Amino acid sequence: MDCPLCKLVAGDIKTKLYYQDKVVIAANCPTCGKPIIVLKRHTMKPNNFERVHMEMVPKELFGDTIKFRKKQRQILDHLHYHILGGNHA
């Protein structure tokens, strides 16, 4: 299990946890410390439900004004979005 996001999904949470369910987990990024939403399924191709869920959960947690950085920079094989703005202080 070399993927740090798979470790996060498996429960190896060393940062702040905001939310989790069967589909996603929201926690602070292990690399940059900013909030991220991670699809629990190890893939880069979410189905429609997963895609909508990944955007709705952070809006419920942090407010409708958040933005997402969807470009994968370091981890290229496990879908996650960085959450920018909002009330996650």
C-alpha atoms as a PDB file:
ATOM      1  CA  MET A   1       0.000   0.000   0.000  1.00  0.00           C
ATOM      2  CA  ASP A   2       2.286   2.739  -1.274  1.00  0.00           C
ATOM      3  CA  CYS A   3      -0.494   5.253  -1.978  1.00  0.00           C
ATOM      4  CA  PRO A   4      -0.729   7.749   0.920  1.00  0.00           C
ATOM      5  CA  LEU A   5      -4.410   8.328   0.162  1.00  0.00           C
ATOM      6  CA  CYS A   6      -5.106   4.585   0.386  1.00  0.00           C
ATOM      7  CA  LYS A   7      -3.479   4.697   3.818  1.00  0.00           C
ATOM      8  CA  LEU A   8      -5.758   7.607   4.754  1.00  0.00           C
ATOM      9  CA  VAL A   9      -8.823   5.723   3.498  1.00  0.00           C
ATOM     10  CA  ALA A  10      -7.731   2.626   5.437  1.00  0.00           C
ATOM     11  CA  GLY A  11      -7.787   4.638   8.678  1.00  0.00           C
ATOM     12  CA  ASP A  12      -4.165   5.769   8.959  1.00  0.00           C
ATOM     13  CA  ILE A  13      -5.296   9.341   9.621  1.00  0.00           C
ATOM     14  CA  LYS A  14      -2.542  11.574  10.944  1.00  0.00           C
ATOM     15  CA  THR A  15      -4.247  14.861  10.065  1.00  0.00           C
ATOM     16  CA  LYS A  16      -7.543  16.478  10.992  1.00  0.00           C
ATOM     17  CA  LEU A  17     -10.546  14.389   9.949  1.00  0.00           C
ATOM     18  CA  TYR A  18     -13.634  16.367   8.926  1.00  0.00           C
ATOM     19  CA  TYR A  19     -15.968  13.671   7.593  1.00  0.00           C
ATOM     20  CA  GLN A  20     -16.160  10.178   6.179  1.00  0.00           C
ATOM     21  CA  ASP A  21     -18.752   7.811   4.815  1.00  0.00           C
ATOM     22  CA  LYS A  22     -18.659   4.763   2.536  1.00  0.00           C
ATOM     23  CA  VAL A  23     -17.783   6.855  -0.540  1.00  0.00           C
ATOM     24  CA  VAL A  24     -15.470   9.710   0.552  1.00  0.00           C
ATOM     25  CA  ILE A  25     -13.255  10.957   3.324  1.00  0.00           C
ATOM     26  CA  ALA A  26     -12.546  14.640   4.041  1.00  0.00           C
ATOM     27  CA  ALA A  27      -9.373  15.385   5.968  1.00  0.00           C
ATOM     28  CA  ASN A  28      -6.376  17.666   5.836  1.00  0.00           C
ATOM     29  CA  CYS A  29      -3.941  16.745   3.076  1.00  0.00           C
ATOM     30  CA  PRO A  30      -0.973  14.784   4.431  1.00  0.00           C
ATOM     31  CA  THR A  31       1.313  16.819   2.147  1.00  0.00           C
ATOM     32  CA  CYS A  32       0.114  20.439   2.288  1.00  0.00           C
ATOM     33  CA  GLY A  33      -2.200  20.464   5.314  1.00  0.00           C
ATOM     34  CA  LYS A  34      -5.175  21.943   3.403  1.00  0.00           C
ATOM     35  CA  PRO A  35      -8.537  20.134   3.395  1.00  0.00           C
ATOM     36  CA  ILE A  36      -9.091  17.512   0.708  1.00  0.00           C
ATOM     37  CA  ILE A  37     -11.947  15.263  -0.289  1.00  0.00           C
ATOM     38  CA  VAL A  38     -10.801  11.778  -1.301  1.00  0.00           C
ATOM     39  CA  LEU A  39     -12.775   9.161  -3.169  1.00  0.00           C
ATOM     40  CA  LYS A  40     -12.336   5.998  -1.099  1.00  0.00           C
ATOM     41  CA  ARG A  41     -12.291   3.787  -4.177  1.00  0.00           C
ATOM     42  CA  HIS A  42      -8.795   3.733  -5.700  1.00  0.00           C
ATOM     43  CA  THR A  43      -9.514   5.105  -9.158  1.00  0.00           C
ATOM     44  CA  MET A  44      -9.290   8.243 -11.238  1.00  0.00           C
ATOM     45  CA  LYS A  45     -12.657   7.552 -12.889  1.00  0.00           C
ATOM     46  CA  PRO A  46     -15.557   8.220 -10.509  1.00  0.00           C
ATOM     47  CA  ASN A  47     -19.093   7.331 -11.481  1.00  0.00           C
ATOM     48  CA  ASN A  48     -21.667  10.144 -11.624  1.00  0.00           C
ATOM     49  CA  PHE A  49     -22.861   9.609  -8.046  1.00  0.00           C
ATOM     50  CA  GLU A  50     -19.292   9.675  -6.699  1.00  0.00           C
ATOM     51  CA  ARG A  51     -18.439  12.834  -8.671  1.00  0.00           C
ATOM     52  CA  VAL A  52     -21.495  14.721  -7.347  1.00  0.00           C
ATOM     53  CA  HIS A  53     -20.942  13.408  -3.807  1.00  0.00           C
ATOM     54  CA  MET A  54     -17.302  14.583  -3.856  1.00  0.00           C
ATOM     55  CA  GLU A  55     -18.505  18.114  -4.552  1.00  0.00           C
ATOM     56  CA  MET A  56     -21.579  18.204  -2.302  1.00  0.00           C
ATOM     57  CA  VAL A  57     -19.993  16.960   0.934  1.00  0.00           C
ATOM     58  CA  PRO A  58     -17.365  19.749   1.122  1.00  0.00           C
ATOM     59  CA  LYS A  59     -20.019  22.376   0.359  1.00  0.00           C
ATOM     60  CA  GLU A  60     -22.082  21.089   3.286  1.00  0.00           C
ATOM     61  CA  LEU A  61     -18.999  21.072   5.525  1.00  0.00           C
ATOM     62  CA  PHE A  62     -17.321  24.332   4.515  1.00  0.00           C
ATOM     63  CA  GLY A  63     -19.955  26.435   2.740  1.00  0.00           C
ATOM     64  CA  ASP A  64     -21.086  27.088  -0.817  1.00  0.00           C
ATOM     65  CA  THR A  65     -18.283  29.548  -1.570  1.00  0.00           C
ATOM     66  CA  ILE A  66     -15.529  26.923  -1.687  1.00  0.00           C
ATOM     67  CA  LYS A  67     -13.627  26.109  -4.831  1.00  0.00           C
ATOM     68  CA  PHE A  68     -11.869  22.900  -5.787  1.00  0.00           C
ATOM     69  CA  ARG A  69      -8.414  22.328  -7.149  1.00  0.00           C
ATOM     70  CA  LYS A  70      -9.020  19.173  -9.139  1.00  0.00           C
ATOM     71  CA  LYS A  71      -5.620  18.916 -10.815  1.00  0.00           C
ATOM     72  CA  GLN A  72      -3.716  15.981  -9.394  1.00  0.00           C
ATOM     73  CA  ARG A  73      -0.124  17.085  -8.732  1.00  0.00           C
ATOM     74  CA  GLN A  74       1.719  14.463  -6.693  1.00  0.00           C
ATOM     75  CA  ILE A  75      -0.730  11.593  -6.323  1.00  0.00           C
ATOM     76  CA  LEU A  76      -1.862  10.776  -9.824  1.00  0.00           C
ATOM     77  CA  ASP A  77      -3.733   7.515  -9.294  1.00  0.00           C
ATOM     78  CA  HIS A  78      -6.215   8.195  -6.447  1.00  0.00           C
ATOM     79  CA  LEU A  79      -8.882  10.837  -7.114  1.00  0.00           C
ATOM     80  CA  HIS A  80      -8.940  13.722  -4.656  1.00  0.00           C
ATOM     81  CA  TYR A  81      -9.782  17.412  -4.740  1.00  0.00           C
ATOM     82  CA  HIS A  82      -8.165  20.119  -2.657  1.00  0.00           C
ATOM     83  CA  ILE A  83     -10.730  22.416  -1.031  1.00  0.00           C
ATOM     84  CA  LEU A  84      -9.976  26.119  -1.287  1.00  0.00           C
ATOM     85  CA  GLY A  85     -11.703  28.848   0.713  1.00  0.00           C
ATOM     86  CA  GLY A  86     -14.676  28.246   2.956  1.00  0.00           C
ATOM     87  CA  ASN A  87     -14.902  28.021   6.719  1.00  0.00           C
ATOM     88  CA  HIS A  88     -12.514  25.206   7.618  1.00  0.00           C
ATOM     89  CA  ALA A  89     -10.316  27.136  10.049  1.00  0.00           C
END
